[in-house]
Amino acid sequence: MNENVKKKREPLNDTQLLMTITICIFIVMYLLAMALLKGGFLHAQQIFDLLNDNASLIIVSCGLTVVMIGGGIDISVGAVTSLVVMSCILYLNKGGNVLLALMLALGIGLAFGLVHGFLISYLEIQPFIVTLAGMFFARGMTTILSVNPQKVDHEGFETLRNTKIEIPWLGYVAKNGNLVPARMELGVVIAFFCIIVVFVILMFHRLGRNFYAMGGNQQSALMLGINVKKTRFLSYIISGLLSGISGFVLMMHTGAGNATNAAGMEMNAIASSIIGGTLLTGGVGNVAGTFFGTMTLTTIKKIVVSSGLKDPWWQSITTGGMLCFFILLQSIVLGKRQKKKKA
């Protein structure tokens, strides 16, 4: 064949296709918000506000995406995040060190990841049952630590919490004529760091390929020589560690916590992963898609609130509708691709 003939471009795989659809829908939804609602949606700060408010959700969704790609599920992530927040607040209020508080957060997340991973991988107990028990345990421990809301009273932590990254050229001119720079919290930087690390693991590391193989077909993964039990165990370790980081980032954002802190975060994380193109059956997904899934979900909630529907049940209805829409969309798109492959 003539070397000048261009090679036929390879089609997108399932993960890339679903991620592309999510990114396009996010762009359309945000442009729609800018056109219809205007207000803050016209400023770059609106995107930074979405990131500031949802950095912890982005982090915990990344961990859940890894588990779901491997064919598992973890519904304890919200409760673990809440336990981390309360534990770190009480520790800091007793004069603790900020760095050691971070180590405490990682330790709690790692402990849950180890227990869940061992019970699910090596004792072969159903993931839903194990993580459901972990959720109840974490919620109970949070209540034991303190029934009343707690606020961080630590000078070093407050300095860290109030540190903002300012981007003047993305700011806007207020009505009084002053330039208001765009501000981003440190938690957003941590969230992007977690996304990059997990993305590199999934895309370029052997462990990431093992996650996809295990989630796609466990028997085939075993035939390829993959240690399925160890791989599944490591997926829950990653999820636990990211839950610990998520708790610390949430504490940096709110500066307070209570027994019901991060309630429902696990459901939002699952929704963000699915909207981002991760299949519940495993083998398909990407943390980049999960990021845009989280942004899509939070943007739609913001639109609902900005349109005057401020009651919390409207946000729940919107989340449920979006989840059903994306599950149906995934089913239709992947179904057509399978038919083409068979043909």
C-alpha atoms as a PDB file:
ATOM      1  CA  MET A   1       0.000   0.000   0.000  1.00  0.00           C
ATOM      2  CA  ASN A   2       1.059   3.586  -0.616  1.00  0.00           C
ATOM      3  CA  GLU A   3       2.664   5.059   2.486  1.00  0.00           C
ATOM      4  CA  ASN A   4       1.001   8.394   1.754  1.00  0.00           C
ATOM      5  CA  VAL A   5      -2.431   6.902   2.306  1.00  0.00           C
ATOM      6  CA  LYS A   6      -3.633   7.992   5.720  1.00  0.00           C
ATOM      7  CA  LYS A   7      -4.425   5.278   8.155  1.00  0.00           C
ATOM      8  CA  LYS A   8      -8.037   4.983   9.123  1.00  0.00           C
ATOM      9  CA  ARG A   9      -8.634   6.698  12.442  1.00  0.00           C
ATOM     10  CA  GLU A  10      -9.387   4.262  15.236  1.00  0.00           C
ATOM     11  CA  PRO A  11     -12.852   4.686  16.772  1.00  0.00           C
ATOM     12  CA  LEU A  12     -13.212   5.789  20.380  1.00  0.00           C
ATOM     13  CA  ASN A  13     -13.437   3.001  22.924  1.00  0.00           C
ATOM     14  CA  ASP A  14     -16.390   2.812  25.319  1.00  0.00           C
ATOM     15  CA  THR A  15     -14.636   4.794  28.064  1.00  0.00           C
ATOM     16  CA  GLN A  16     -13.572   7.601  25.708  1.00  0.00           C
ATOM     17  CA  LEU A  17     -16.982   7.769  24.041  1.00  0.00           C
ATOM     18  CA  LEU A  18     -18.951   8.071  27.292  1.00  0.00           C
ATOM     19  CA  MET A  19     -16.472  10.626  28.657  1.00  0.00           C
ATOM     20  CA  THR A  20     -16.800  12.709  25.481  1.00  0.00           C
ATOM     21  CA  ILE A  21     -20.601  12.668  25.772  1.00  0.00           C
ATOM     22  CA  THR A  22     -20.364  13.838  29.403  1.00  0.00           C
ATOM     23  CA  ILE A  23     -17.990  16.695  28.531  1.00  0.00           C
ATOM     24  CA  CYS A  24     -20.281  17.860  25.720  1.00  0.00           C
ATOM     25  CA  ILE A  25     -23.346  17.769  27.979  1.00  0.00           C
ATOM     26  CA  PHE A  26     -21.514  19.749  30.678  1.00  0.00           C
ATOM     27  CA  ILE A  27     -20.515  22.429  28.174  1.00  0.00           C
ATOM     28  CA  VAL A  28     -24.085  22.639  26.832  1.00  0.00           C
ATOM     29  CA  MET A  29     -25.583  22.849  30.340  1.00  0.00           C
ATOM     30  CA  TYR A  30     -23.166  25.575  31.435  1.00  0.00           C
ATOM     31  CA  LEU A  31     -23.705  27.611  28.260  1.00  0.00           C
ATOM     32  CA  LEU A  32     -27.435  27.228  28.810  1.00  0.00           C
ATOM     33  CA  ALA A  33     -27.046  28.524  32.372  1.00  0.00           C
ATOM     34  CA  MET A  34     -25.022  31.484  31.097  1.00  0.00           C
ATOM     35  CA  ALA A  35     -27.655  32.322  28.486  1.00  0.00           C
ATOM     36  CA  LEU A  36     -30.782  31.904  30.605  1.00  0.00           C
ATOM     37  CA  LEU A  37     -29.757  32.785  34.148  1.00  0.00           C
ATOM     38  CA  LYS A  38     -26.763  35.056  33.564  1.00  0.00           C
ATOM     39  CA  GLY A  39     -25.714  36.548  36.922  1.00  0.00           C
ATOM     40  CA  GLY A  40     -22.687  34.755  38.353  1.00  0.00           C
ATOM     41  CA  PHE A  41     -22.610  32.227  35.526  1.00  0.00           C
ATOM     42  CA  LEU A  42     -21.018  34.867  33.324  1.00  0.00           C
ATOM     43  CA  HIS A  43     -17.967  35.073  35.597  1.00  0.00           C
ATOM     44  CA  ALA A  44     -15.116  32.575  35.870  1.00  0.00           C
ATOM     45  CA  GLN A  45     -15.564  32.720  39.651  1.00  0.00           C
ATOM     46  CA  GLN A  46     -18.749  30.652  39.232  1.00  0.00           C
ATOM     47  CA  ILE A  47     -16.675  27.700  38.015  1.00  0.00           C
ATOM     48  CA  PHE A  48     -14.211  28.214  40.866  1.00  0.00           C
ATOM     49  CA  ASP A  49     -17.120  28.300  43.318  1.00  0.00           C
ATOM     50  CA  LEU A  50     -18.337  24.980  41.946  1.00  0.00           C
ATOM     51  CA  LEU A  51     -14.840  23.568  42.398  1.00  0.00           C
ATOM     52  CA  ASN A  52     -14.444  25.046  45.899  1.00  0.00           C
ATOM     53  CA  ASP A  53     -17.775  23.659  47.066  1.00  0.00           C
ATOM     54  CA  ASN A  54     -17.287  20.205  45.553  1.00  0.00           C
ATOM     55  CA  ALA A  55     -13.545  19.475  45.858  1.00  0.00           C
ATOM     56  CA  SER A  56     -14.190  16.810  48.505  1.00  0.00           C
ATOM     57  CA  LEU A  57     -16.906  15.202  46.353  1.00  0.00           C
ATOM     58  CA  ILE A  58     -14.546  15.108  43.368  1.00  0.00           C
ATOM     59  CA  ILE A  59     -11.886  13.337  45.444  1.00  0.00           C
ATOM     60  CA  VAL A  60     -14.206  10.723  46.904  1.00  0.00           C
ATOM     61  CA  SER A  61     -15.783  10.156  43.466  1.00  0.00           C
ATOM     62  CA  CYS A  62     -12.328   9.351  42.048  1.00  0.00           C
ATOM     63  CA  GLY A  63     -11.895   6.615  44.641  1.00  0.00           C
ATOM     64  CA  LEU A  64     -15.348   5.236  43.955  1.00  0.00           C
ATOM     65  CA  THR A  65     -14.644   5.255  40.214  1.00  0.00           C
ATOM     66  CA  VAL A  66     -11.615   3.008  40.752  1.00  0.00           C
ATOM     67  CA  VAL A  67     -13.743   0.558  42.752  1.00  0.00           C
ATOM     68  CA  MET A  68     -16.564   0.607  40.187  1.00  0.00           C
ATOM     69  CA  ILE A  69     -14.169   0.073  37.263  1.00  0.00           C
ATOM     70  CA  GLY A  70     -13.042  -3.068  39.086  1.00  0.00           C
ATOM     71  CA  GLY A  71     -16.641  -4.254  39.340  1.00  0.00           C
ATOM     72  CA  GLY A  72     -17.168  -3.335  43.008  1.00  0.00           C
ATOM     73  CA  ILE A  73     -19.058  -0.733  45.014  1.00  0.00           C
ATOM     74  CA  ASP A  74     -18.347   1.266  48.174  1.00  0.00           C
ATOM     75  CA  ILE A  75     -21.258   3.023  49.883  1.00  0.00           C
ATOM     76  CA  SER A  76     -19.293   3.879  53.027  1.00  0.00           C
ATOM     77  CA  VAL A  77     -17.266   6.743  51.551  1.00  0.00           C
ATOM     78  CA  GLY A  78     -19.584   9.501  52.807  1.00  0.00           C
ATOM     79  CA  ALA A  79     -19.669   8.136  56.346  1.00  0.00           C
ATOM     80  CA  VAL A  80     -15.880   7.703  56.403  1.00  0.00           C
ATOM     81  CA  THR A  81     -15.494  11.298  55.211  1.00  0.00           C
ATOM     82  CA  SER A  82     -17.774  12.456  58.049  1.00  0.00           C
ATOM     83  CA  LEU A  83     -15.798  10.447  60.627  1.00  0.00           C
ATOM     84  CA  VAL A  84     -12.533  11.956  59.374  1.00  0.00           C
ATOM     85  CA  VAL A  85     -13.926  15.486  59.675  1.00  0.00           C
ATOM     86  CA  MET A  86     -15.125  14.993  63.255  1.00  0.00           C
ATOM     87  CA  SER A  87     -11.959  13.165  64.375  1.00  0.00           C
ATOM     88  CA  CYS A  88      -9.650  15.814  62.941  1.00  0.00           C
ATOM     89  CA  ILE A  89     -11.677  18.695  64.406  1.00  0.00           C
ATOM     90  CA  LEU A  90     -11.579  17.216  67.922  1.00  0.00           C
ATOM     91  CA  TYR A  91      -7.873  16.483  67.578  1.00  0.00           C
ATOM     92  CA  LEU A  92      -7.036  20.006  66.383  1.00  0.00           C
ATOM     93  CA  ASN A  93      -9.178  21.617  69.090  1.00  0.00           C
ATOM     94  CA  LYS A  94      -7.069  19.806  71.694  1.00  0.00           C
ATOM     95  CA  GLY A  95      -3.954  21.524  70.360  1.00  0.00           C
ATOM     96  CA  GLY A  96      -2.981  18.966  67.759  1.00  0.00           C
ATOM     97  CA  ASN A  97      -0.635  19.478  64.825  1.00  0.00           C
ATOM     98  CA  VAL A  98      -2.084  20.130  61.347  1.00  0.00           C
ATOM     99  CA  LEU A  99       0.288  17.660  59.668  1.00  0.00           C
ATOM    100  CA  LEU A 100      -0.589  14.975  62.213  1.00  0.00           C
ATOM    101  CA  ALA A 101      -4.274  15.740  61.631  1.00  0.00           C
ATOM    102  CA  LEU A 102      -3.711  14.972  57.954  1.00  0.00           C
ATOM    103  CA  MET A 103      -1.970  11.733  58.944  1.00  0.00           C
ATOM    104  CA  LEU A 104      -4.975  10.906  61.149  1.00  0.00           C
ATOM    105  CA  ALA A 105      -7.309  11.463  58.194  1.00  0.00           C
ATOM    106  CA  LEU A 106      -5.221   9.187  55.972  1.00  0.00           C
ATOM    107  CA  GLY A 107      -5.001   6.606  58.756  1.00  0.00           C
ATOM    108  CA  ILE A 108      -8.776   6.429  59.215  1.00  0.00           C
ATOM    109  CA  GLY A 109      -9.342   6.130  55.475  1.00  0.00           C
ATOM    110  CA  LEU A 110      -6.627   3.488  55.153  1.00  0.00           C
ATOM    111  CA  ALA A 111      -8.088   1.468  58.052  1.00  0.00           C
ATOM    112  CA  PHE A 112     -11.512   1.294  56.405  1.00  0.00           C
ATOM    113  CA  GLY A 113      -9.913   0.478  53.048  1.00  0.00           C
ATOM    114  CA  LEU A 114      -7.911  -2.379  54.595  1.00  0.00           C
ATOM    115  CA  VAL A 115     -10.902  -3.910  56.384  1.00  0.00           C
ATOM    116  CA  HIS A 116     -13.248  -3.562  53.414  1.00  0.00           C
ATOM    117  CA  GLY A 117     -10.636  -4.825  50.970  1.00  0.00           C
ATOM    118  CA  PHE A 118      -9.788  -7.866  53.089  1.00  0.00           C
ATOM    119  CA  LEU A 119     -13.406  -8.888  53.726  1.00  0.00           C
ATOM    120  CA  ILE A 120     -14.432  -8.416  50.097  1.00  0.00           C
ATOM    121  CA  SER A 121     -11.331  -9.738  48.337  1.00  0.00           C
ATOM    122  CA  TYR A 122     -10.107 -12.562  50.519  1.00  0.00           C
ATOM    123  CA  LEU A 123     -13.247 -13.637  52.400  1.00  0.00           C
ATOM    124  CA  GLU A 124     -15.388 -13.003  49.294  1.00  0.00           C
ATOM    125  CA  ILE A 125     -18.227 -11.249  51.118  1.00  0.00           C
ATOM    126  CA  GLN A 126     -20.523  -9.114  48.961  1.00  0.00           C
ATOM    127  CA  PRO A 127     -19.183  -5.536  48.609  1.00  0.00           C
ATOM    128  CA  PHE A 128     -22.571  -3.957  49.248  1.00  0.00           C
ATOM    129  CA  ILE A 129     -22.969  -5.771  52.588  1.00  0.00           C
ATOM    130  CA  VAL A 130     -19.423  -5.035  53.758  1.00  0.00           C
ATOM    131  CA  THR A 131     -19.483  -1.349  52.868  1.00  0.00           C
ATOM    132  CA  LEU A 132     -23.019  -0.970  54.244  1.00  0.00           C
ATOM    133  CA  ALA A 133     -21.712  -2.261  57.574  1.00  0.00           C
ATOM    134  CA  GLY A 134     -18.761   0.115  57.255  1.00  0.00           C
ATOM    135  CA  MET A 135     -21.147   3.010  56.637  1.00  0.00           C
ATOM    136  CA  PHE A 136     -23.177   2.254  59.780  1.00  0.00           C
ATOM    137  CA  PHE A 137     -20.004   1.788  61.823  1.00  0.00           C
ATOM    138  CA  ALA A 138     -18.509   5.087  60.658  1.00  0.00           C
ATOM    139  CA  ARG A 139     -21.761   6.967  61.302  1.00  0.00           C
ATOM    140  CA  GLY A 140     -21.980   5.458  64.784  1.00  0.00           C
ATOM    141  CA  MET A 141     -18.382   6.329  65.606  1.00  0.00           C
ATOM    142  CA  THR A 142     -18.944   9.900  64.428  1.00  0.00           C
ATOM    143  CA  THR A 143     -21.927  10.220  66.785  1.00  0.00           C
ATOM    144  CA  ILE A 144     -19.922   8.759  69.673  1.00  0.00           C
ATOM    145  CA  LEU A 145     -17.183  11.328  69.135  1.00  0.00           C
ATOM    146  CA  SER A 146     -19.669  14.197  69.312  1.00  0.00           C
ATOM    147  CA  VAL A 147     -23.415  14.565  68.976  1.00  0.00           C
ATOM    148  CA  ASN A 148     -23.144  18.353  68.805  1.00  0.00           C
ATOM    149  CA  PRO A 149     -21.730  20.325  65.858  1.00  0.00           C
ATOM    150  CA  GLN A 150     -18.054  21.177  66.226  1.00  0.00           C
ATOM    151  CA  LYS A 151     -16.047  24.082  64.837  1.00  0.00           C
ATOM    152  CA  VAL A 152     -12.288  24.122  64.317  1.00  0.00           C
ATOM    153  CA  ASP A 153     -10.516  26.381  66.799  1.00  0.00           C
ATOM    154  CA  HIS A 154      -6.892  26.122  65.733  1.00  0.00           C
ATOM    155  CA  GLU A 155      -4.790  29.068  64.578  1.00  0.00           C
ATOM    156  CA  GLY A 156      -2.483  27.096  62.276  1.00  0.00           C
ATOM    157  CA  PHE A 157      -5.374  25.330  60.576  1.00  0.00           C
ATOM    158  CA  GLU A 158      -7.310  28.590  60.143  1.00  0.00           C
ATOM    159  CA  THR A 159      -4.283  30.071  58.387  1.00  0.00           C
ATOM    160  CA  LEU A 160      -4.211  27.086  56.041  1.00  0.00           C
ATOM    161  CA  ARG A 161      -7.975  27.215  55.522  1.00  0.00           C
ATOM    162  CA  ASN A 162      -8.008  30.920  54.681  1.00  0.00           C
ATOM    163  CA  THR A 163      -5.205  30.578  52.137  1.00  0.00           C
ATOM    164  CA  LYS A 164      -6.607  31.204  48.669  1.00  0.00           C
ATOM    165  CA  ILE A 165      -5.028  31.115  45.232  1.00  0.00           C
ATOM    166  CA  GLU A 166      -5.926  34.341  43.416  1.00  0.00           C
ATOM    167  CA  ILE A 167      -6.052  34.649  39.633  1.00  0.00           C
ATOM    168  CA  PRO A 168      -6.539  38.369  38.829  1.00  0.00           C
ATOM    169  CA  TRP A 169      -6.872  38.013  35.049  1.00  0.00           C
ATOM    170  CA  LEU A 170      -9.890  35.696  35.507  1.00  0.00           C
ATOM    171  CA  GLY A 171     -11.575  38.141  37.885  1.00  0.00           C
ATOM    172  CA  TYR A 172     -14.323  40.646  37.164  1.00  0.00           C
ATOM    173  CA  VAL A 173     -15.033  44.311  37.840  1.00  0.00           C
ATOM    174  CA  ALA A 174     -17.604  44.841  40.591  1.00  0.00           C
ATOM    175  CA  LYS A 175     -20.298  47.519  40.545  1.00  0.00           C
ATOM    176  CA  ASN A 176     -18.095  49.799  42.663  1.00  0.00           C
ATOM    177  CA  GLY A 177     -15.382  49.606  39.993  1.00  0.00           C
ATOM    178  CA  ASN A 178     -12.965  47.413  41.957  1.00  0.00           C
ATOM    179  CA  LEU A 179     -11.369  44.336  40.390  1.00  0.00           C
ATOM    180  CA  VAL A 180     -12.436  41.133  42.165  1.00  0.00           C
ATOM    181  CA  PRO A 181      -9.882  38.382  41.402  1.00  0.00           C
ATOM    182  CA  ALA A 182     -10.971  34.773  40.955  1.00  0.00           C
ATOM    183  CA  ARG A 183     -10.220  32.784  44.113  1.00  0.00           C
ATOM    184  CA  MET A 184      -9.546  29.075  44.413  1.00  0.00           C
ATOM    185  CA  GLU A 185      -9.133  27.121  47.648  1.00  0.00           C
ATOM    186  CA  LEU A 186      -6.227  24.779  48.356  1.00  0.00           C
ATOM    187  CA  GLY A 187      -8.684  21.895  48.428  1.00  0.00           C
ATOM    188  CA  VAL A 188      -9.202  22.299  44.684  1.00  0.00           C
ATOM    189  CA  VAL A 189      -5.452  21.921  44.104  1.00  0.00           C
ATOM    190  CA  ILE A 190      -5.510  18.725  46.178  1.00  0.00           C
ATOM    191  CA  ALA A 191      -8.508  17.478  44.178  1.00  0.00           C
ATOM    192  CA  PHE A 192      -6.724  18.042  40.851  1.00  0.00           C
ATOM    193  CA  PHE A 193      -3.615  16.327  42.214  1.00  0.00           C
ATOM    194  CA  CYS A 194      -5.715  13.276  43.158  1.00  0.00           C
ATOM    195  CA  ILE A 195      -7.346  13.254  39.703  1.00  0.00           C
ATOM    196  CA  ILE A 196      -3.952  13.322  37.979  1.00  0.00           C
ATOM    197  CA  VAL A 197      -2.483  10.564  40.158  1.00  0.00           C
ATOM    198  CA  VAL A 198      -5.480   8.250  39.697  1.00  0.00           C
ATOM    199  CA  PHE A 199      -5.622   9.055  35.968  1.00  0.00           C
ATOM    200  CA  VAL A 200      -1.967   8.086  35.539  1.00  0.00           C
ATOM    201  CA  ILE A 201      -2.516   4.843  37.471  1.00  0.00           C
ATOM    202  CA  LEU A 202      -5.547   3.880  35.383  1.00  0.00           C
ATOM    203  CA  MET A 203      -4.144   4.850  32.003  1.00  0.00           C
ATOM    204  CA  PHE A 204      -0.416   4.129  32.193  1.00  0.00           C
ATOM    205  CA  HIS A 205       0.225   1.708  35.059  1.00  0.00           C
ATOM    206  CA  ARG A 206      -0.162  -2.046  35.044  1.00  0.00           C
ATOM    207  CA  LEU A 207      -2.403  -1.838  38.115  1.00  0.00           C
ATOM    208  CA  GLY A 208      -4.853   0.336  36.183  1.00  0.00           C
ATOM    209  CA  ARG A 209      -5.005  -2.154  33.320  1.00  0.00           C
ATOM    210  CA  ASN A 210      -5.669  -4.866  35.891  1.00  0.00           C
ATOM    211  CA  PHE A 211      -8.626  -2.880  37.269  1.00  0.00           C
ATOM    212  CA  TYR A 212     -10.179  -2.672  33.800  1.00  0.00           C
ATOM    213  CA  ALA A 213      -9.506  -6.337  33.057  1.00  0.00           C
ATOM    214  CA  MET A 214     -10.965  -7.443  36.398  1.00  0.00           C
ATOM    215  CA  GLY A 215     -14.080  -5.330  35.948  1.00  0.00           C
ATOM    216  CA  GLY A 216     -14.558  -6.369  32.325  1.00  0.00           C
ATOM    217  CA  ASN A 217     -14.369 -10.110  32.926  1.00  0.00           C
ATOM    218  CA  GLN A 218     -12.997 -11.638  36.111  1.00  0.00           C
ATOM    219  CA  GLN A 219     -12.489 -15.094  34.575  1.00  0.00           C
ATOM    220  CA  SER A 220     -10.532 -13.663  31.661  1.00  0.00           C
ATOM    221  CA  ALA A 221      -8.438 -11.644  34.109  1.00  0.00           C
ATOM    222  CA  LEU A 222      -7.573 -14.823  35.998  1.00  0.00           C
ATOM    223  CA  MET A 223      -6.606 -16.550  32.752  1.00  0.00           C
ATOM    224  CA  LEU A 224      -4.293 -13.611  31.969  1.00  0.00           C
ATOM    225  CA  GLY A 225      -2.464 -14.243  35.224  1.00  0.00           C
ATOM    226  CA  ILE A 226      -3.860 -11.256  37.105  1.00  0.00           C
ATOM    227  CA  ASN A 227      -4.079 -11.612  40.870  1.00  0.00           C
ATOM    228  CA  VAL A 228      -7.742 -10.632  41.102  1.00  0.00           C
ATOM    229  CA  LYS A 229      -7.926 -10.745  44.896  1.00  0.00           C
ATOM    230  CA  LYS A 230      -4.920  -8.468  45.338  1.00  0.00           C
ATOM    231  CA  THR A 231      -6.159  -6.099  42.628  1.00  0.00           C
ATOM    232  CA  ARG A 232      -9.603  -5.791  44.216  1.00  0.00           C
ATOM    233  CA  PHE A 233      -7.990  -5.323  47.627  1.00  0.00           C
ATOM    234  CA  LEU A 234      -5.888  -2.432  46.289  1.00  0.00           C
ATOM    235  CA  SER A 235      -8.952  -0.760  44.737  1.00  0.00           C
ATOM    236  CA  TYR A 236     -10.550  -0.494  48.188  1.00  0.00           C
ATOM    237  CA  ILE A 237      -7.275   0.759  49.656  1.00  0.00           C
ATOM    238  CA  ILE A 238      -7.287   3.600  47.104  1.00  0.00           C
ATOM    239  CA  SER A 239     -10.938   4.350  47.834  1.00  0.00           C
ATOM    240  CA  GLY A 240     -10.287   4.449  51.583  1.00  0.00           C
ATOM    241  CA  LEU A 241      -7.275   6.754  51.265  1.00  0.00           C
ATOM    242  CA  LEU A 242      -9.164   9.148  49.008  1.00  0.00           C
ATOM    243  CA  SER A 243     -12.063   9.174  51.477  1.00  0.00           C
ATOM    244  CA  GLY A 244      -9.603  10.242  54.171  1.00  0.00           C
ATOM    245  CA  ILE A 245      -8.230  13.021  51.971  1.00  0.00           C
ATOM    246  CA  SER A 246     -11.784  14.036  51.096  1.00  0.00           C
ATOM    247  CA  GLY A 247     -12.619  14.432  54.787  1.00  0.00           C
ATOM    248  CA  PHE A 248      -9.625  16.687  55.380  1.00  0.00           C
ATOM    249  CA  VAL A 249     -10.475  18.804  52.309  1.00  0.00           C
ATOM    250  CA  LEU A 250     -14.105  19.092  53.433  1.00  0.00           C
ATOM    251  CA  MET A 251     -12.924  20.275  56.847  1.00  0.00           C
ATOM    252  CA  MET A 252     -10.712  22.868  55.131  1.00  0.00           C
ATOM    253  CA  HIS A 253     -13.742  24.129  53.199  1.00  0.00           C
ATOM    254  CA  THR A 254     -16.317  24.276  56.001  1.00  0.00           C
ATOM    255  CA  GLY A 255     -14.159  24.620  59.121  1.00  0.00           C
ATOM    256  CA  ALA A 256     -16.817  22.679  61.013  1.00  0.00           C
ATOM    257  CA  GLY A 257     -18.533  19.308  61.224  1.00  0.00           C
ATOM    258  CA  ASN A 258     -21.404  17.387  62.778  1.00  0.00           C
ATOM    259  CA  ALA A 259     -22.738  13.847  63.075  1.00  0.00           C
ATOM    260  CA  THR A 260     -24.610  14.116  59.776  1.00  0.00           C
ATOM    261  CA  ASN A 261     -21.747  15.754  57.899  1.00  0.00           C
ATOM    262  CA  ALA A 262     -21.315  14.523  54.306  1.00  0.00           C
ATOM    263  CA  ALA A 263     -24.657  12.720  54.491  1.00  0.00           C
ATOM    264  CA  GLY A 264     -25.583  11.492  51.025  1.00  0.00           C
ATOM    265  CA  MET A 265     -22.076  12.051  49.644  1.00  0.00           C
ATOM    266  CA  GLU A 266     -21.786   8.390  48.666  1.00  0.00           C
ATOM    267  CA  MET A 267     -24.918   8.654  46.502  1.00  0.00           C
ATOM    268  CA  ASN A 268     -23.666  11.848  44.855  1.00  0.00           C
ATOM    269  CA  ALA A 269     -20.302  10.166  44.250  1.00  0.00           C
ATOM    270  CA  ILE A 270     -21.974   7.170  42.601  1.00  0.00           C
ATOM    271  CA  ALA A 271     -24.115   9.523  40.506  1.00  0.00           C
ATOM    272  CA  SER A 272     -21.050  11.558  39.484  1.00  0.00           C
ATOM    273  CA  SER A 273     -19.187   8.408  38.436  1.00  0.00           C
ATOM    274  CA  ILE A 274     -22.110   7.088  36.392  1.00  0.00           C
ATOM    275  CA  ILE A 275     -22.740  10.461  34.739  1.00  0.00           C
ATOM    276  CA  GLY A 276     -19.006  10.567  33.980  1.00  0.00           C
ATOM    277  CA  GLY A 277     -19.256   7.302  32.026  1.00  0.00           C
ATOM    278  CA  THR A 278     -18.411   4.646  34.629  1.00  0.00           C
ATOM    279  CA  LEU A 279     -20.495   1.492  34.307  1.00  0.00           C
ATOM    280  CA  LEU A 280     -21.848  -0.230  37.411  1.00  0.00           C
ATOM    281  CA  THR A 281     -20.969  -3.561  35.789  1.00  0.00           C
ATOM    282  CA  GLY A 282     -17.276  -2.551  35.692  1.00  0.00           C
ATOM    283  CA  GLY A 283     -14.580  -2.405  33.037  1.00  0.00           C
ATOM    284  CA  VAL A 284     -15.495   1.056  31.709  1.00  0.00           C
ATOM    285  CA  GLY A 285     -14.784   4.454  33.242  1.00  0.00           C
ATOM    286  CA  ASN A 286     -12.260   7.241  33.708  1.00  0.00           C
ATOM    287  CA  VAL A 287     -11.605   9.790  36.473  1.00  0.00           C
ATOM    288  CA  ALA A 288     -11.509  12.588  33.888  1.00  0.00           C
ATOM    289  CA  GLY A 289     -15.076  11.681  33.001  1.00  0.00           C
ATOM    290  CA  THR A 290     -15.927  11.492  36.703  1.00  0.00           C
ATOM    291  CA  PHE A 291     -14.652  15.047  37.168  1.00  0.00           C
ATOM    292  CA  PHE A 292     -16.934  16.328  34.412  1.00  0.00           C
ATOM    293  CA  GLY A 293     -19.726  14.151  35.777  1.00  0.00           C
ATOM    294  CA  THR A 294     -19.394  15.894  39.141  1.00  0.00           C
ATOM    295  CA  MET A 295     -19.312  19.300  37.476  1.00  0.00           C
ATOM    296  CA  THR A 296     -22.362  18.447  35.370  1.00  0.00           C
ATOM    297  CA  LEU A 297     -24.321  17.278  38.403  1.00  0.00           C
ATOM    298  CA  THR A 298     -23.422  20.322  40.501  1.00  0.00           C
ATOM    299  CA  THR A 299     -24.079  22.727  37.613  1.00  0.00           C
ATOM    300  CA  ILE A 300     -27.575  21.355  37.128  1.00  0.00           C
ATOM    301  CA  LYS A 301     -28.237  21.635  40.869  1.00  0.00           C
ATOM    302  CA  LYS A 302     -27.018  25.231  40.719  1.00  0.00           C
ATOM    303  CA  ILE A 303     -29.374  25.941  37.831  1.00  0.00           C
ATOM    304  CA  VAL A 304     -32.281  24.478  39.788  1.00  0.00           C
ATOM    305  CA  VAL A 305     -31.506  26.680  42.822  1.00  0.00           C
ATOM    306  CA  SER A 306     -30.908  29.795  40.690  1.00  0.00           C
ATOM    307  CA  SER A 307     -34.242  29.301  38.937  1.00  0.00           C
ATOM    308  CA  GLY A 308     -36.032  29.663  42.283  1.00  0.00           C
ATOM    309  CA  LEU A 309     -36.544  25.992  43.223  1.00  0.00           C
ATOM    310  CA  LYS A 310     -34.561  26.151  46.469  1.00  0.00           C
ATOM    311  CA  ASP A 311     -36.303  23.302  48.301  1.00  0.00           C
ATOM    312  CA  PRO A 312     -33.883  20.358  48.747  1.00  0.00           C
ATOM    313  CA  TRP A 313     -36.227  17.812  47.204  1.00  0.00           C
ATOM    314  CA  TRP A 314     -35.985  19.551  43.820  1.00  0.00           C
ATOM    315  CA  GLN A 315     -32.240  18.867  43.801  1.00  0.00           C
ATOM    316  CA  SER A 316     -32.893  15.211  44.663  1.00  0.00           C
ATOM    317  CA  ILE A 317     -35.460  14.929  41.875  1.00  0.00           C
ATOM    318  CA  THR A 318     -33.000  16.528  39.451  1.00  0.00           C
ATOM    319  CA  THR A 319     -30.216  14.137  40.499  1.00  0.00           C
ATOM    320  CA  GLY A 320     -32.498  11.145  40.059  1.00  0.00           C
ATOM    321  CA  GLY A 321     -33.619  12.340  36.648  1.00  0.00           C
ATOM    322  CA  MET A 322     -30.056  12.952  35.485  1.00  0.00           C
ATOM    323  CA  LEU A 323     -28.962   9.530  36.736  1.00  0.00           C
ATOM    324  CA  CYS A 324     -31.781   7.763  34.871  1.00  0.00           C
ATOM    325  CA  PHE A 325     -31.014   9.768  31.726  1.00  0.00           C
ATOM    326  CA  PHE A 326     -27.319   8.849  31.713  1.00  0.00           C
ATOM    327  CA  ILE A 327     -27.934   5.185  32.518  1.00  0.00           C
ATOM    328  CA  LEU A 328     -30.403   5.038  29.623  1.00  0.00           C
ATOM    329  CA  LEU A 329     -27.956   6.904  27.376  1.00  0.00           C
ATOM    330  CA  GLN A 330     -25.127   4.510  28.269  1.00  0.00           C
ATOM    331  CA  SER A 331     -27.364   1.529  27.566  1.00  0.00           C
ATOM    332  CA  ILE A 332     -28.420   2.848  24.145  1.00  0.00           C
ATOM    333  CA  VAL A 333     -24.935   3.943  23.035  1.00  0.00           C
ATOM    334  CA  LEU A 334     -23.133   0.804  24.173  1.00  0.00           C
ATOM    335  CA  GLY A 335     -25.933  -1.403  22.860  1.00  0.00           C
ATOM    336  CA  LYS A 336     -25.574   0.059  19.364  1.00  0.00           C
ATOM    337  CA  ARG A 337     -21.793  -0.343  19.482  1.00  0.00           C
ATOM    338  CA  GLN A 338     -22.146  -4.017  20.425  1.00  0.00           C
ATOM    339  CA  LYS A 339     -24.524  -4.585  17.505  1.00  0.00           C
ATOM    340  CA  LYS A 340     -22.044  -2.971  15.101  1.00  0.00           C
ATOM    341  CA  LYS A 341     -19.226  -5.157  16.429  1.00  0.00           C
ATOM    342  CA  LYS A 342     -21.313  -8.312  15.964  1.00  0.00           C
ATOM    343  CA  ALA A 343     -22.284  -7.212  12.445  1.00  0.00           C
END
